[in-house]
Protein backbone atom coordinates (compact mmCIF):
# COMPACT_ATOMS: atom_id res chain seq x y z
CA MET A 1 9.35 -3.61 22.87
CA ILE A 2 5.96 -2.74 21.49
CA LEU A 3 3.45 -1.58 24.05
CA ALA A 4 0.12 -3.24 23.14
CA ALA A 5 -1.55 -3.79 26.57
CA GLY A 6 -3.62 -0.59 26.68
CA LEU A 7 -7.45 -0.67 26.85
CA GLY A 8 -7.76 1.59 23.85
CA THR A 9 -10.77 3.51 25.22
CA ARG A 10 -10.43 6.22 22.63
CA LEU A 11 -10.86 3.68 19.84
CA LYS A 12 -14.31 2.50 20.93
CA PRO A 13 -16.43 0.76 19.70
CA PHE A 14 -13.69 -1.27 18.00
CA THR A 15 -11.92 -1.90 21.35
CA ASP A 16 -15.18 -3.23 22.92
CA LYS A 17 -14.39 -6.48 21.23
CA HIS A 18 -10.71 -6.17 20.07
CA PRO A 19 -7.32 -4.83 21.23
CA LYS A 20 -6.30 -1.59 19.59
CA ALA A 21 -3.15 -3.31 18.30
CA LEU A 22 -5.39 -5.15 15.84
CA ALA A 23 -7.06 -2.00 14.35
CA ARG A 24 -6.27 -2.04 10.60
CA VAL A 25 -4.90 0.70 8.44
CA ASN A 26 -5.20 -0.26 4.77
CA GLY A 27 -5.48 -3.90 5.52
CA LYS A 28 -2.58 -4.14 8.03
CA THR A 29 -2.96 -4.19 11.77
CA LEU A 30 -1.10 -1.50 13.72
CA LEU A 31 0.90 -4.29 15.30
CA GLN A 32 2.03 -5.58 11.95
CA ARG A 33 2.86 -2.13 10.66
CA ASN A 34 5.11 -1.47 13.61
CA ILE A 35 6.82 -4.86 13.51
CA GLU A 36 7.58 -4.21 9.81
CA TYR A 37 8.78 -0.72 10.71
CA LEU A 38 11.22 -2.04 13.33
CA VAL A 39 12.46 -4.84 11.15
CA LYS A 40 13.19 -2.29 8.37
CA TYR A 41 15.72 -0.70 10.72
CA GLY A 42 17.38 -3.86 11.73
CA VAL A 43 15.53 -4.98 14.82
CA THR A 44 15.90 -8.77 15.21
CA ASP A 45 13.88 -9.61 18.39
CA ILE A 46 10.71 -8.06 19.82
CA ILE A 47 8.74 -8.42 22.92
CA VAL A 48 5.03 -7.35 23.00
CA ASN A 49 3.11 -6.75 26.24
CA VAL A 50 -0.53 -7.80 26.25
CA HIS A 51 -3.57 -7.27 28.54
CA HIS A 52 -6.80 -6.22 26.74
CA PHE A 53 -7.99 -9.21 24.59
CA ALA A 54 -4.48 -10.63 24.91
CA ASP A 55 -5.49 -13.90 23.28
CA GLN A 56 -6.40 -12.10 20.06
CA ILE A 57 -2.94 -10.55 19.82
CA ILE A 58 -1.25 -13.89 20.55
CA ASP A 59 -3.42 -15.63 17.93
CA HIS A 60 -2.78 -12.93 15.38
CA LEU A 61 0.98 -13.32 15.76
CA ALA A 62 0.77 -17.12 15.61
CA ALA A 63 -1.42 -17.04 12.52
CA ASN A 64 1.16 -14.92 10.75
CA ASN A 65 4.29 -16.82 11.92
CA ASN A 66 5.28 -13.74 14.10
CA PHE A 67 5.84 -11.89 10.79
CA ASN A 68 9.05 -13.83 10.42
CA ILE A 69 10.79 -12.44 13.52
CA PRO A 70 11.27 -13.94 16.98
CA ILE A 71 8.59 -12.38 19.17
CA SER A 72 8.10 -12.87 22.95
CA ILE A 73 5.01 -12.00 25.00
CA SER A 74 4.97 -10.19 28.28
CA ASP A 75 1.67 -11.19 29.93
CA GLU A 76 -0.11 -8.44 31.80
CA THR A 77 -3.56 -10.01 31.78
CA GLY A 78 -3.70 -9.79 35.58
CA GLU A 79 -3.31 -6.02 35.57
CA VAL A 80 -2.34 -3.43 32.99
CA LEU A 81 0.90 -1.94 34.36
CA GLU A 82 1.24 1.31 32.30
CA THR A 83 4.50 2.02 30.52
CA GLY A 84 6.84 2.04 33.46
CA GLY A 85 5.45 -1.11 35.11
CA GLY A 86 5.12 -2.84 31.76
CA LEU A 87 8.72 -2.12 30.89
CA LYS A 88 10.01 -3.28 34.26
CA LYS A 89 8.05 -6.54 34.04
CA ALA A 90 9.80 -7.22 30.74
CA ALA A 91 13.31 -6.45 32.07
CA TRP A 92 14.26 -10.12 31.76
CA PHE A 93 14.13 -9.76 27.96
CA PHE A 94 16.85 -7.11 27.80
CA ASP A 95 19.74 -9.17 29.12
CA ASP A 96 22.51 -8.36 26.65
CA SER A 97 23.46 -4.90 28.11
CA LYS A 98 22.66 -3.22 24.77
CA PRO A 99 20.28 -0.22 24.31
CA PHE A 100 16.78 -1.14 23.23
CA LEU A 101 13.85 0.58 21.61
CA LEU A 102 10.39 1.00 23.23
CA MET A 103 7.36 2.25 21.30
CA ASN A 104 3.52 2.49 21.50
CA VAL A 105 1.67 0.24 19.16
CA ASP A 106 -0.76 3.03 18.15
CA ILE A 107 2.02 5.28 16.72
CA LEU A 108 2.68 5.32 13.01
CA THR A 109 5.63 7.31 11.80
CA HIS A 110 8.28 7.93 9.17
CA LEU A 111 10.83 8.81 11.80
CA ASN A 112 14.36 7.72 10.71
CA LEU A 113 15.15 5.22 13.43
CA LYS A 114 18.76 4.86 12.24
CA ALA A 115 19.37 8.49 12.87
CA MET A 116 17.84 8.26 16.38
CA ILE A 117 19.82 5.15 17.21
CA ASP A 118 23.07 6.76 15.98
CA PHE A 119 22.26 9.81 18.08
CA HIS A 120 21.69 7.73 21.24
CA ASN A 121 24.85 5.64 20.66
CA ASN A 122 26.94 8.82 20.25
CA GLU A 123 25.49 10.64 23.27
CA LYS A 124 25.09 7.64 25.50
CA PRO A 125 22.27 9.05 27.78
CA ILE A 126 20.22 6.71 30.02
CA ALA A 127 17.37 7.32 27.53
CA THR A 128 16.67 9.23 24.33
CA LEU A 129 13.03 10.35 23.74
CA ALA A 130 11.72 11.12 20.26
CA VAL A 131 9.99 14.54 20.30
CA SER A 132 8.73 17.17 17.94
CA GLU A 133 7.38 20.62 17.90
CA ARG A 134 3.62 20.12 17.61
CA SER A 135 0.41 20.91 19.58
CA SER A 136 -0.09 18.76 22.57
CA SER A 137 -1.68 19.16 25.99
CA ARG A 138 1.36 17.62 27.71
CA CYS A 139 5.04 18.15 26.95
CA PHE A 140 8.50 17.43 28.18
CA LEU A 141 10.78 20.39 28.93
CA PHE A 142 14.40 20.41 27.74
CA ASN A 143 17.37 22.79 28.11
CA GLU A 144 19.51 24.15 25.32
CA ARG A 145 21.64 20.96 25.49
CA GLU A 146 18.64 18.80 24.73
CA GLU A 147 18.67 17.44 28.29
CA LEU A 148 15.38 16.63 30.07
CA CYS A 149 14.50 19.12 32.75
CA GLY A 150 10.80 18.56 33.44
CA TRP A 151 7.26 17.82 32.28
CA LYS A 152 4.19 20.11 31.98
CA ASN A 153 0.46 19.69 31.58
CA LYS A 154 -0.61 22.74 29.64
CA ASN A 155 -4.26 22.31 30.42
CA THR A 156 -3.87 22.11 34.22
CA GLY A 157 -0.60 24.01 34.67
CA GLU A 158 0.91 21.11 36.58
CA GLU A 159 4.70 20.85 36.28
CA LYS A 160 7.23 18.27 37.45
CA MET A 161 10.75 19.53 37.38
CA SER A 162 14.11 17.82 37.59
CA ARG A 163 16.63 20.54 37.11
CA VAL A 164 16.88 24.26 36.65
CA ALA A 165 17.64 25.83 33.23
CA ASP A 166 17.92 29.45 32.05
CA GLN A 167 15.61 28.58 29.11
CA LEU A 168 13.23 25.68 28.63
CA PHE A 169 11.96 24.28 25.36
CA GLU A 170 8.64 22.57 25.16
CA LYS A 171 8.60 19.38 23.02
CA SER A 172 5.83 16.87 22.52
CA PHE A 173 6.71 13.24 23.06
CA SER A 174 6.25 10.84 20.11
CA GLY A 175 5.88 7.61 22.00
CA ILE A 176 9.32 6.20 20.97
CA HIS A 177 12.21 5.74 23.36
CA ILE A 178 15.73 4.26 23.12
CA ILE A 179 16.79 3.14 26.55
CA ASP A 180 19.97 1.87 28.17
CA PRO A 181 19.25 -1.23 30.22
CA ARG A 182 21.09 0.42 33.14
CA ILE A 183 17.70 2.00 33.84
CA PHE A 184 16.36 -1.16 35.37
CA SER A 185 18.64 -0.92 38.45
CA MET A 186 17.31 2.62 38.92
CA MET A 187 13.59 1.82 38.67
CA HIS A 188 12.50 1.52 42.29
CA GLN A 189 8.67 1.65 41.73
CA GLU A 190 6.76 -1.56 41.73
CA GLY A 191 3.57 -2.71 39.99
CA LYS A 192 1.69 -0.12 37.88
CA PHE A 193 3.51 3.18 37.30
CA SER A 194 4.16 5.84 34.71
CA ILE A 195 7.52 6.00 32.92
CA VAL A 196 7.20 9.81 32.99
CA ASP A 197 7.66 9.81 36.74
CA THR A 198 10.70 7.54 36.32
CA TYR A 199 12.23 9.85 33.80
CA ILE A 200 11.69 12.99 35.86
CA GLU A 201 13.24 11.37 38.93
CA LEU A 202 16.22 10.01 36.96
CA ALA A 203 16.82 13.25 35.14
CA LYS A 204 17.90 14.85 38.43
CA THR A 205 21.10 12.84 38.38
CA ASN A 206 21.26 11.30 34.91
CA ILE A 207 21.23 12.60 31.37
CA ILE A 208 18.03 11.92 29.35
CA LYS A 209 18.11 13.42 25.85
CA SER A 210 15.63 14.50 23.24
CA PHE A 211 15.78 13.51 19.61
CA ASP A 212 13.85 16.18 17.67
CA HIS A 213 12.29 14.78 14.49
CA THR A 214 10.02 17.76 13.70
CA GLY A 215 8.80 17.47 10.11
CA ASP A 216 8.68 13.64 10.00
CA LEU A 217 5.17 12.15 9.59
CA LEU A 218 3.81 11.02 12.92
CA MET A 219 0.30 9.90 13.65
CA ASP A 220 -1.30 8.80 16.91
CA VAL A 221 -3.78 6.29 15.67
CA GLY A 222 -5.85 6.17 18.83
CA LYS A 223 -9.30 7.35 17.53
CA PRO A 224 -11.58 6.09 14.73
CA GLU A 225 -11.12 9.30 12.79
CA SER A 226 -7.31 9.03 12.96
CA ILE A 227 -7.47 5.59 11.26
CA VAL A 228 -9.19 7.36 8.34
CA GLU A 229 -6.39 9.95 8.32
CA ALA A 230 -3.68 7.32 8.57
CA GLU A 231 -5.04 5.42 5.57
CA LYS A 232 -4.21 8.54 3.48
CA CYS A 233 -0.56 8.28 4.50
CA PHE A 234 0.35 4.62 5.10
CA PHE A 235 -0.18 2.28 2.19
CA ASP A 236 2.57 -0.27 2.11
């Protein structure tokens, strides 16, 4: 699933008239780049959630024959539901009991998805979160076994904890998840909600793992200046 429903306020003025998914990096939209990234690692079906200028995303996909992969749409035009709510609304799509990947449309990366998928399949947690050691105002907290224990806002000092650990390791989230569909029976929130709160609650009784890809190129292409930087790194 590619999350493309956000308002993209950091990417103004482009997002005053367009969805951030259609911002271009060296001639290709962020949406196209991430579809091609997923296909490279064997993904065969994708669902995209839409809200802000939803018709432009739908038209872009149609004009490009869905980039030659089956693509479904999860329509959030009535209300943007955040990551948790958006995922739950699309639960119908994940009906084969197999783990699936969820990512933000404004992330560009060279992360080796095969390695992350293999890690998840071997460990079998309820979710695996791609993380790295980099500067960020918010971070997840993991123990020495790479199990999620909490979340922290470094600017405000706010913490949300799931479990106690002798030592905690701060890791910045990369916007990529691999999730077991068992999670849907455990998601009791309705409407608009954050997946972070879901993870923190589930981590009290379930294993959520980190996949550390420190050193891999990762760019949050959410600001006009970050598009300029991305064009120095993503050419194909």
